[in-house]
């Protein structure tokens, strides 16, 4: 391959990385699903390995995708910080729509190998649902992080949330940002990215790296062996997250009405995103 051809390929990979990064930063949108639609998911998962020789060999692919991913997350974070501050209700309802709209996609993944849901797999569904309901009543609704100087607790929690975000990013149909939103860490991480708060980003990034390299294989094995059970758990988590995402300050005023419209628009996005991939499967 010539230099120009390699440069062109790298640019296209970086652009795909930007799109995946934008998806990863938006609650309810699955970066894994976007990677599937862009036809680089299998290659991406296969390139992530602790085998240094293989990892080095995959660098011409991973570096441009990684650079694009970082750019996409940063640009989206800057925009979202302003939206949350000035238009919280419409923004939250948009994300709620994205979450609800992702349910058919996750359900399709759940029934991909077995058309009917086995009764035993209702157990992880209810575990996920009950867990989210428990968090709703057990918590005060406050954010996970209060801001200011990082405590030891904050460092550990940022590493854990980075790990969780990376793991959920790997699974098509699941939004890592939505999971962070559920646990009350999303706003703090988005603010840290937008403001380039390096202490927070280093802690979160460390957890994300661990999640990508260590958990990728675990998730792969779990989905291969217990695919339907894993996705039933995810469905329970998503349904249980709805009250967490719904804005408490919602009113039927101008912002509320715009928010309702954006809710339905957001719900349509994951469904429309899945169509090209579904069409290819049916061909």
Protein backbone atom coordinates (compact mmCIF):
# COMPACT_ATOMS: atom_id res chain seq x y z
CA UNK A 1 0.00 0.00 0.00
CA UNK A 2 1.36 3.42 -1.01
CA UNK A 3 1.88 6.31 1.40
CA UNK A 4 -1.15 8.20 0.02
CA UNK A 5 -3.34 5.11 0.33
CA UNK A 6 -2.18 4.59 3.94
CA UNK A 7 -2.80 8.26 4.75
CA UNK A 8 -6.29 8.09 3.23
CA UNK A 9 -7.06 4.92 5.19
CA UNK A 10 -5.85 6.54 8.43
CA UNK A 11 -8.01 9.63 7.84
CA UNK A 12 -11.10 7.48 7.27
CA UNK A 13 -10.33 5.47 10.42
CA UNK A 14 -9.91 8.70 12.42
CA UNK A 15 -13.27 9.99 11.10
CA UNK A 16 -14.91 6.72 12.14
CA UNK A 17 -13.24 7.10 15.55
CA UNK A 18 -14.71 10.62 15.89
CA UNK A 19 -18.22 9.28 15.18
CA UNK A 20 -17.74 6.47 17.73
CA UNK A 21 -16.39 9.01 20.26
CA UNK A 22 -19.45 11.22 19.79
CA UNK A 23 -21.67 8.19 20.38
CA UNK A 24 -19.73 7.18 23.49
CA UNK A 25 -20.20 10.66 25.00
CA UNK A 26 -23.99 10.66 24.54
CA UNK A 27 -26.05 8.69 27.10
CA UNK A 28 -28.30 6.17 25.37
CA UNK A 29 -26.13 5.87 22.27
CA UNK A 30 -23.90 2.80 22.04
CA UNK A 31 -20.39 3.35 20.73
CA UNK A 32 -20.21 -0.41 20.13
CA UNK A 33 -23.29 -0.23 17.91
CA UNK A 34 -21.79 2.64 15.92
CA UNK A 35 -18.60 0.60 15.46
CA UNK A 36 -20.75 -2.27 14.14
CA UNK A 37 -22.57 0.04 11.71
CA UNK A 38 -19.22 1.48 10.54
CA UNK A 39 -17.96 -2.09 10.00
CA UNK A 40 -14.91 -1.90 12.27
CA UNK A 41 -16.29 -3.54 15.45
CA UNK A 42 -14.84 -7.04 14.91
CA UNK A 43 -11.48 -5.62 13.88
CA UNK A 44 -11.48 -3.26 16.86
CA UNK A 45 -12.23 -6.00 19.39
CA UNK A 46 -9.72 -8.32 17.75
CA UNK A 47 -7.01 -5.62 17.87
CA UNK A 48 -7.34 -5.03 21.63
CA UNK A 49 -5.01 -7.54 23.27
CA UNK A 50 -2.39 -7.81 26.01
CA UNK A 51 -0.14 -9.61 23.51
CA UNK A 52 2.41 -6.81 22.94
CA UNK A 53 3.63 -8.19 19.60
CA UNK A 54 0.08 -8.35 18.22
CA UNK A 55 -0.82 -5.01 19.81
CA UNK A 56 2.17 -3.29 18.14
CA UNK A 57 1.20 -4.85 14.80
CA UNK A 58 -2.33 -3.39 15.18
CA UNK A 59 -1.12 0.15 16.00
CA UNK A 60 -1.61 1.52 12.44
CA UNK A 61 -5.30 0.72 12.94
CA UNK A 62 -5.69 1.54 16.65
CA UNK A 63 -3.86 4.90 16.68
CA UNK A 64 -6.06 6.78 14.14
CA UNK A 65 -9.24 5.27 15.61
CA UNK A 66 -8.06 6.20 19.12
CA UNK A 67 -7.19 9.77 18.11
CA UNK A 68 -10.59 10.18 16.47
CA UNK A 69 -12.28 8.70 19.55
CA UNK A 70 -10.63 11.25 21.85
CA UNK A 71 -11.50 14.14 19.51
CA UNK A 72 -15.15 13.03 19.28
CA UNK A 73 -15.51 12.68 23.06
CA UNK A 74 -13.88 16.07 23.72
CA UNK A 75 -15.97 18.00 21.16
CA UNK A 76 -19.19 16.40 22.37
CA UNK A 77 -18.32 16.98 26.04
CA UNK A 78 -17.82 20.73 25.47
CA UNK A 79 -21.23 20.99 23.77
CA UNK A 80 -23.03 18.81 26.34
CA UNK A 81 -21.70 20.80 29.31
CA UNK A 82 -23.40 23.91 27.89
CA UNK A 83 -26.61 22.01 27.10
CA UNK A 84 -26.90 20.61 30.63
CA UNK A 85 -26.31 24.03 32.14
CA UNK A 86 -28.76 25.97 29.95
CA UNK A 87 -31.26 23.41 28.62
CA UNK A 88 -31.25 20.59 31.14
CA UNK A 89 -34.86 19.36 30.67
CA UNK A 90 -34.76 19.03 26.84
CA UNK A 91 -31.28 17.51 27.02
CA UNK A 92 -32.28 14.95 29.65
CA UNK A 93 -35.45 14.01 27.76
CA UNK A 94 -33.43 13.57 24.57
CA UNK A 95 -31.15 11.14 26.39
CA UNK A 96 -34.17 9.38 27.89
CA UNK A 97 -35.52 8.92 24.37
CA UNK A 98 -32.17 7.52 23.26
CA UNK A 99 -32.27 5.04 26.17
CA UNK A 100 -35.84 3.91 25.43
CA UNK A 101 -35.07 3.71 21.71
CA UNK A 102 -32.09 1.45 22.39
CA UNK A 103 -34.31 -1.21 24.01
CA UNK A 104 -35.46 -2.85 20.73
CA UNK A 105 -31.82 -3.05 19.62
CA UNK A 106 -30.72 -4.72 22.86
CA UNK A 107 -33.76 -7.05 22.73
CA UNK A 108 -32.77 -8.09 19.19
CA UNK A 109 -29.27 -8.88 20.46
CA UNK A 110 -30.84 -10.81 23.35
CA UNK A 111 -32.88 -12.98 20.95
CA UNK A 112 -30.21 -13.28 18.27
CA UNK A 113 -29.31 -16.90 19.00
CA UNK A 114 -32.50 -18.02 20.75
CA UNK A 115 -35.77 -16.61 19.42
CA UNK A 116 -37.54 -17.05 22.75
CA UNK A 117 -36.28 -15.79 26.09
CA UNK A 118 -35.63 -18.71 28.41
CA UNK A 119 -37.42 -18.42 31.78
CA UNK A 120 -34.08 -18.82 33.63
CA UNK A 121 -32.84 -15.64 31.98
CA UNK A 122 -35.64 -13.62 33.55
CA UNK A 123 -33.62 -13.85 36.77
CA UNK A 124 -30.79 -11.54 35.57
CA UNK A 125 -33.45 -9.24 34.06
CA UNK A 126 -35.12 -8.78 37.45
CA UNK A 127 -31.72 -8.53 39.18
CA UNK A 128 -30.88 -5.55 36.94
CA UNK A 129 -34.32 -3.98 37.34
CA UNK A 130 -34.45 -4.40 41.14
CA UNK A 131 -30.89 -3.12 41.47
CA UNK A 132 -31.77 0.11 39.66
CA UNK A 133 -34.96 0.57 41.69
CA UNK A 134 -32.94 0.02 44.86
CA UNK A 135 -30.49 2.75 43.79
CA UNK A 136 -33.40 5.10 43.13
CA UNK A 137 -34.74 4.81 46.68
CA UNK A 138 -31.46 4.19 48.49
CA UNK A 139 -29.67 7.20 47.03
CA UNK A 140 -30.37 10.85 47.63
CA UNK A 141 -30.21 11.63 43.92
CA UNK A 142 -26.97 13.59 44.39
CA UNK A 143 -24.08 13.28 42.00
CA UNK A 144 -21.42 10.72 42.85
CA UNK A 145 -18.72 13.41 43.05
CA UNK A 146 -19.06 16.74 44.85
CA UNK A 147 -16.14 18.49 43.15
CA UNK A 148 -13.05 20.12 44.65
CA UNK A 149 -9.79 18.31 45.42
CA UNK A 150 -9.77 14.59 44.72
CA UNK A 151 -10.05 12.39 47.79
CA UNK A 152 -8.90 8.76 47.91
CA UNK A 153 -12.57 7.78 47.55
CA UNK A 154 -12.88 9.93 44.41
CA UNK A 155 -9.75 8.41 42.86
CA UNK A 156 -11.05 4.86 43.42
CA UNK A 157 -14.52 5.72 42.13
CA UNK A 158 -13.20 7.43 38.99
CA UNK A 159 -11.05 4.37 38.24
CA UNK A 160 -14.07 2.08 38.78
CA UNK A 161 -16.32 4.25 36.57
CA UNK A 162 -13.65 4.32 33.85
CA UNK A 163 -13.50 0.53 34.03
CA UNK A 164 -17.31 0.23 33.81
CA UNK A 165 -17.53 2.74 30.95
CA UNK A 166 -14.90 0.85 28.94
CA UNK A 167 -16.55 -2.52 29.54
CA UNK A 168 -20.02 -1.31 28.55
CA UNK A 169 -18.56 0.44 25.49
CA UNK A 170 -17.47 -2.96 24.20
CA UNK A 171 -21.04 -4.33 24.16
CA UNK A 172 -23.15 -3.28 21.13
CA UNK A 173 -26.50 -1.86 22.23
CA UNK A 174 -25.24 -0.64 25.60
CA UNK A 175 -24.24 2.96 26.32
CA UNK A 176 -21.30 3.45 28.69
CA UNK A 177 -22.31 7.08 29.13
CA UNK A 178 -25.81 6.02 30.09
CA UNK A 179 -24.39 3.67 32.74
CA UNK A 180 -22.30 6.54 34.13
CA UNK A 181 -25.43 8.72 34.08
CA UNK A 182 -27.27 6.09 36.09
CA UNK A 183 -24.54 6.00 38.75
CA UNK A 184 -24.27 9.79 38.96
CA UNK A 185 -20.76 10.06 37.51
CA UNK A 186 -21.57 11.29 34.00
CA UNK A 187 -21.81 15.05 34.66
CA UNK A 188 -18.51 15.10 36.58
CA UNK A 189 -16.66 13.20 33.84
CA UNK A 190 -18.13 15.35 31.03
CA UNK A 191 -17.11 18.52 32.92
CA UNK A 192 -13.62 17.10 33.46
CA UNK A 193 -13.23 16.34 29.75
CA UNK A 194 -14.58 19.76 28.67
CA UNK A 195 -12.29 21.60 31.13
CA UNK A 196 -9.30 19.26 30.64
CA UNK A 197 -9.18 18.41 34.35
CA UNK A 198 -6.15 16.12 34.08
CA UNK A 199 -6.19 14.57 37.61
CA UNK A 200 -9.76 13.34 36.98
CA UNK A 201 -8.98 12.30 33.39
CA UNK A 202 -5.89 10.33 34.47
CA UNK A 203 -7.89 8.38 37.10
CA UNK A 204 -10.81 7.77 34.75
CA UNK A 205 -8.47 6.93 31.87
CA UNK A 206 -6.55 4.41 34.00
CA UNK A 207 -9.79 2.60 34.76
CA UNK A 208 -10.81 2.73 31.09
CA UNK A 209 -7.50 1.21 29.96
CA UNK A 210 -7.83 -1.59 32.52
CA UNK A 211 -11.43 -2.15 31.39
CA UNK A 212 -10.51 -2.34 27.71
CA UNK A 213 -7.53 -4.69 28.04
CA UNK A 214 -8.63 -6.88 30.93
CA UNK A 215 -12.42 -7.05 30.63
CA UNK A 216 -12.68 -7.34 26.84
CA UNK A 217 -11.96 -11.07 26.99
CA UNK A 218 -14.23 -11.59 30.02
CA UNK A 219 -17.14 -9.85 28.30
CA UNK A 220 -16.44 -11.80 25.13
CA UNK A 221 -16.55 -15.11 27.04
CA UNK A 222 -19.71 -14.16 28.98
CA UNK A 223 -21.57 -13.13 25.84
CA UNK A 224 -20.47 -16.31 24.03
CA UNK A 225 -21.53 -18.58 26.91
CA UNK A 226 -24.43 -16.67 28.48
CA UNK A 227 -25.43 -14.23 25.74
CA UNK A 228 -29.14 -14.10 26.50
CA UNK A 229 -28.63 -13.83 30.25
CA UNK A 230 -26.16 -10.95 29.85
CA UNK A 231 -28.52 -9.04 27.58
CA UNK A 232 -31.51 -9.71 29.87
CA UNK A 233 -29.49 -8.14 32.68
CA UNK A 234 -28.75 -5.14 30.45
CA UNK A 235 -32.45 -4.73 29.56
CA UNK A 236 -33.33 -4.72 33.26
CA UNK A 237 -30.69 -2.04 33.90
CA UNK A 238 -31.96 0.13 31.03
CA UNK A 239 -35.62 -0.07 32.07
CA UNK A 240 -34.67 0.59 35.68
CA UNK A 241 -32.62 3.61 34.61
CA UNK A 242 -35.63 5.50 33.19
CA UNK A 243 -36.64 7.18 36.50
CA UNK A 244 -32.98 8.11 37.09
CA UNK A 245 -32.70 9.99 33.78
CA UNK A 246 -36.13 11.69 33.81
CA UNK A 247 -35.60 15.35 34.87
CA UNK A 248 -37.20 16.11 38.24
CA UNK A 249 -37.76 19.76 37.23
CA UNK A 250 -39.89 18.83 34.18
CA UNK A 251 -42.85 21.16 33.60
CA UNK A 252 -45.22 21.64 30.65
CA UNK A 253 -43.60 24.92 29.66
CA UNK A 254 -41.66 25.78 26.49
CA UNK A 255 -38.61 23.71 27.46
CA UNK A 256 -40.81 20.82 28.58
CA UNK A 257 -42.72 20.71 25.28
CA UNK A 258 -39.48 20.91 23.28
CA UNK A 259 -38.14 18.14 25.51
CA UNK A 260 -41.11 15.86 24.72
CA UNK A 261 -40.53 16.38 20.98
CA UNK A 262 -36.82 15.66 21.42
CA UNK A 263 -37.69 12.55 23.46
CA UNK A 264 -39.42 11.00 20.44
CA UNK A 265 -36.64 12.20 18.13
CA UNK A 266 -34.06 10.63 20.45
CA UNK A 267 -36.01 7.35 20.59
CA UNK A 268 -35.89 7.15 16.78
CA UNK A 269 -32.09 7.56 16.57
CA UNK A 270 -30.96 4.06 17.76
CA UNK A 271 -33.68 2.42 15.64
CA UNK A 272 -32.58 4.33 12.53
CA UNK A 273 -28.93 3.60 13.28
CA UNK A 274 -29.64 -0.13 13.36
CA UNK A 275 -31.39 -0.21 9.97
CA UNK A 276 -28.30 -0.30 7.71
CA UNK A 277 -26.78 -3.14 9.75
CA UNK A 278 -30.09 -5.05 9.89
CA UNK A 279 -30.58 -4.62 6.13
CA UNK A 280 -27.14 -6.08 5.49
CA UNK A 281 -27.91 -9.08 7.73
CA UNK A 282 -31.11 -9.80 5.80
CA UNK A 283 -29.39 -9.68 2.40
